[in-house]
Amino acid sequence: MKIGINWIKIGDVDENSLYIKKTKEKITVEGAKKSRYVKKGDFILSNSMSFGRPYILNIDGCVHDGWLIMSDFIDSFNPLYLYYAIRDDDIQNQFIGKVNGATVKNLNSNLVKNTFIKIPSMELQDKFAVLVQQIDKQKIELQKSLEEMQKLQESLINKYFI
């Protein structure tokens, strides 16, 4: 096990990931002093190149300036609702319309703060989150079934044609 503080980088996560659960690298305590510390449950949002990708932290760690940090949102947003709201085309198009830079597109905290996000009641957000979790479980089960079917197909092809 590597000793140090999680060093969270965009390369640690798949573009469509919901959570950041681990990092490839750690940094020292001295390195952490030059970074921004984030906690499990915070949101981070990529702000450069592949800007506008949200992630929910499932670990504590440190980030560099390639991330925007969103915390203390729990009174207004269910985390799953906020994640999917940010991933929505409407929000992503708002980001695209606001980014700075001719070559490298960058978001900044002021641009994100001025983005319009619909805020339904917490009750509706919670219902949405339950539904999304059920759908994600079904997607995982379907993916496993598909993988099993592919293995069976390969096995049959090997048995009859090779």
Protein backbone atom coordinates (compact mmCIF):
# COMPACT_ATOMS: atom_id res chain seq x y z
CA MET A 1 0.00 0.00 0.00
CA LYS A 2 1.35 3.41 -0.95
CA ILE A 3 1.71 5.87 1.90
CA GLY A 4 0.62 9.43 1.34
CA ILE A 5 -2.45 11.42 0.44
CA ASN A 6 -4.63 10.55 -2.56
CA TRP A 7 -3.66 12.69 -5.57
CA ILE A 8 -6.84 12.97 -7.64
CA LYS A 9 -6.28 13.50 -11.36
CA ILE A 10 -8.59 13.38 -14.37
CA GLY A 11 -6.74 10.30 -15.60
CA ASP A 12 -7.86 8.39 -12.51
CA VAL A 13 -11.44 8.18 -13.67
CA ASP A 14 -13.41 7.06 -16.67
CA GLU A 15 -15.35 9.81 -18.42
CA ASN A 16 -18.68 8.24 -17.46
CA SER A 17 -17.79 7.37 -13.88
CA LEU A 18 -20.02 8.61 -11.12
CA TYR A 19 -17.61 8.24 -8.20
CA ILE A 20 -13.90 8.63 -7.70
CA LYS A 21 -12.96 5.65 -5.56
CA LYS A 22 -9.18 5.43 -5.90
CA THR A 23 -6.15 7.18 -7.27
CA LYS A 24 -3.09 5.92 -9.07
CA GLU A 25 -0.75 8.21 -7.17
CA LYS A 26 -0.25 9.64 -3.71
CA ILE A 27 1.41 12.88 -2.69
CA THR A 28 3.34 13.78 0.41
CA VAL A 29 2.11 15.98 3.23
CA GLU A 30 4.33 18.74 1.82
CA GLY A 31 2.74 18.31 -1.61
CA ALA A 32 -0.71 18.43 -0.04
CA LYS A 33 0.08 21.84 1.44
CA LYS A 34 0.41 23.17 -2.11
CA SER A 35 -2.87 21.57 -3.24
CA ARG A 36 -6.55 21.77 -2.36
CA TYR A 37 -7.84 19.17 0.06
CA VAL A 38 -11.20 17.58 -0.76
CA LYS A 39 -13.36 15.23 1.29
CA LYS A 40 -15.50 12.21 0.60
CA GLY A 41 -18.92 13.45 -0.55
CA ASP A 42 -17.58 16.60 -2.25
CA PHE A 43 -18.15 17.13 -5.95
CA ILE A 44 -15.31 17.94 -8.25
CA LEU A 45 -15.83 19.26 -11.74
CA SER A 46 -13.18 19.18 -14.44
CA ASN A 47 -12.48 22.71 -15.58
CA SER A 48 -10.03 22.34 -18.44
CA MET A 49 -9.87 20.47 -21.75
CA SER A 50 -12.61 17.91 -20.91
CA PHE A 51 -14.41 20.56 -18.91
CA GLY A 52 -17.73 20.07 -17.17
CA ARG A 53 -17.35 16.43 -16.10
CA PRO A 54 -18.68 16.00 -12.54
CA TYR A 55 -17.58 13.35 -10.07
CA ILE A 56 -18.64 12.53 -6.52
CA LEU A 57 -15.69 11.81 -4.26
CA ASN A 58 -15.78 8.48 -2.49
CA ILE A 59 -12.35 9.19 -0.97
CA ASP A 60 -10.50 12.06 0.66
CA GLY A 61 -7.54 13.52 -1.18
CA CYS A 62 -6.00 16.51 -2.90
CA VAL A 63 -6.63 18.08 -6.28
CA HIS A 64 -4.73 20.49 -8.49
CA ASP A 65 -6.10 23.53 -10.27
CA GLY A 66 -7.67 21.40 -13.04
CA TRP A 67 -10.71 20.87 -10.83
CA LEU A 68 -13.49 23.02 -9.44
CA ILE A 69 -14.69 21.93 -6.01
CA MET A 70 -18.31 21.93 -4.93
CA SER A 71 -19.15 21.23 -1.31
CA ASP A 72 -21.83 22.20 1.20
CA PHE A 73 -24.59 21.57 -1.35
CA ILE A 74 -26.40 18.88 0.63
CA ASP A 75 -29.14 21.26 1.84
CA SER A 76 -30.13 22.04 -1.75
CA PHE A 77 -29.25 18.92 -3.73
CA ASN A 78 -29.31 15.17 -3.47
CA PRO A 79 -25.83 14.21 -4.74
CA LEU A 80 -27.16 11.83 -7.41
CA TYR A 81 -29.63 14.42 -8.65
CA LEU A 82 -26.88 17.05 -8.84
CA TYR A 83 -24.57 14.65 -10.71
CA TYR A 84 -27.16 13.88 -13.38
CA ALA A 85 -28.31 17.50 -13.56
CA ILE A 86 -24.74 18.59 -14.35
CA ARG A 87 -24.35 15.79 -16.91
CA ASP A 88 -27.57 16.90 -18.63
CA ASP A 89 -27.20 18.40 -22.10
CA ASP A 90 -28.82 21.66 -20.97
CA ILE A 91 -26.14 22.27 -18.32
CA GLN A 92 -23.32 21.03 -20.55
CA ASN A 93 -24.50 23.41 -23.31
CA GLN A 94 -24.48 26.27 -20.80
CA PHE A 95 -20.87 25.37 -19.96
CA ILE A 96 -19.94 25.24 -23.65
CA GLY A 97 -21.44 28.70 -24.14
CA LYS A 98 -19.46 30.13 -21.21
CA VAL A 99 -15.99 28.60 -21.47
CA ASN A 100 -12.95 30.81 -21.86
CA GLY A 101 -9.92 30.27 -24.06
CA ALA A 102 -9.26 30.08 -27.77
CA THR A 103 -7.27 26.84 -27.80
CA VAL A 104 -7.82 25.29 -24.37
CA LYS A 105 -11.35 25.72 -23.09
CA ASN A 106 -11.60 26.42 -19.35
CA LEU A 107 -14.43 26.76 -16.88
CA ASN A 108 -14.00 28.84 -13.76
CA SER A 109 -15.97 29.03 -10.54
CA ASN A 110 -17.81 32.23 -11.56
CA LEU A 111 -19.01 30.63 -14.80
CA VAL A 112 -20.25 27.58 -12.90
CA LYS A 113 -21.92 29.71 -10.19
CA ASN A 114 -23.89 31.52 -12.89
CA THR A 115 -25.19 28.32 -14.46
CA PHE A 116 -28.93 27.72 -14.15
CA ILE A 117 -29.81 24.36 -12.57
CA LYS A 118 -33.40 23.38 -11.89
CA ILE A 119 -33.92 22.61 -8.20
CA PRO A 120 -36.95 20.41 -7.63
CA SER A 121 -38.08 19.64 -4.08
CA MET A 122 -35.77 17.40 -2.06
CA GLU A 123 -38.53 14.79 -2.05
CA LEU A 124 -38.50 14.64 -5.87
CA GLN A 125 -34.70 14.62 -5.96
CA ASP A 126 -34.66 11.69 -3.52
CA LYS A 127 -37.21 9.78 -5.63
CA PHE A 128 -35.08 10.45 -8.70
CA ALA A 129 -31.98 9.14 -6.89
CA VAL A 130 -33.74 5.90 -5.89
CA LEU A 131 -34.88 5.37 -9.47
CA VAL A 132 -31.39 6.03 -10.84
CA GLN A 133 -29.87 3.54 -8.39
CA GLN A 134 -32.36 0.88 -9.49
CA ILE A 135 -31.57 1.53 -13.14
CA ASP A 136 -27.82 1.35 -12.46
CA LYS A 137 -28.26 -2.03 -10.72
CA GLN A 138 -30.22 -3.30 -13.72
CA LYS A 139 -27.52 -2.05 -16.10
CA ILE A 140 -24.87 -3.94 -14.12
CA GLU A 141 -26.96 -7.13 -14.14
CA LEU A 142 -27.55 -6.81 -17.88
CA GLN A 143 -23.84 -6.22 -18.51
CA LYS A 144 -22.97 -9.37 -16.55
CA SER A 145 -25.56 -11.36 -18.52
CA LEU A 146 -24.16 -10.03 -21.79
CA GLU A 147 -20.62 -11.01 -20.78
CA GLU A 148 -21.82 -14.52 -19.85
CA MET A 149 -23.59 -14.85 -23.19
CA GLN A 150 -20.45 -13.76 -25.05
CA LYS A 151 -18.37 -16.35 -23.17
CA LEU A 152 -20.93 -19.03 -23.99
CA GLN A 153 -20.92 -18.01 -27.65
CA GLU A 154 -17.11 -18.14 -27.80
CA SER A 155 -17.16 -21.53 -26.10
CA LEU A 156 -19.65 -22.89 -28.62
CA ILE A 157 -17.67 -21.49 -31.55
CA ASN A 158 -14.51 -23.12 -30.19
CA LYS A 159 -16.33 -26.41 -29.64
CA TYR A 160 -17.92 -26.68 -33.09
CA PHE A 161 -15.64 -24.80 -35.44
CA ILE A 162 -12.11 -25.05 -34.09
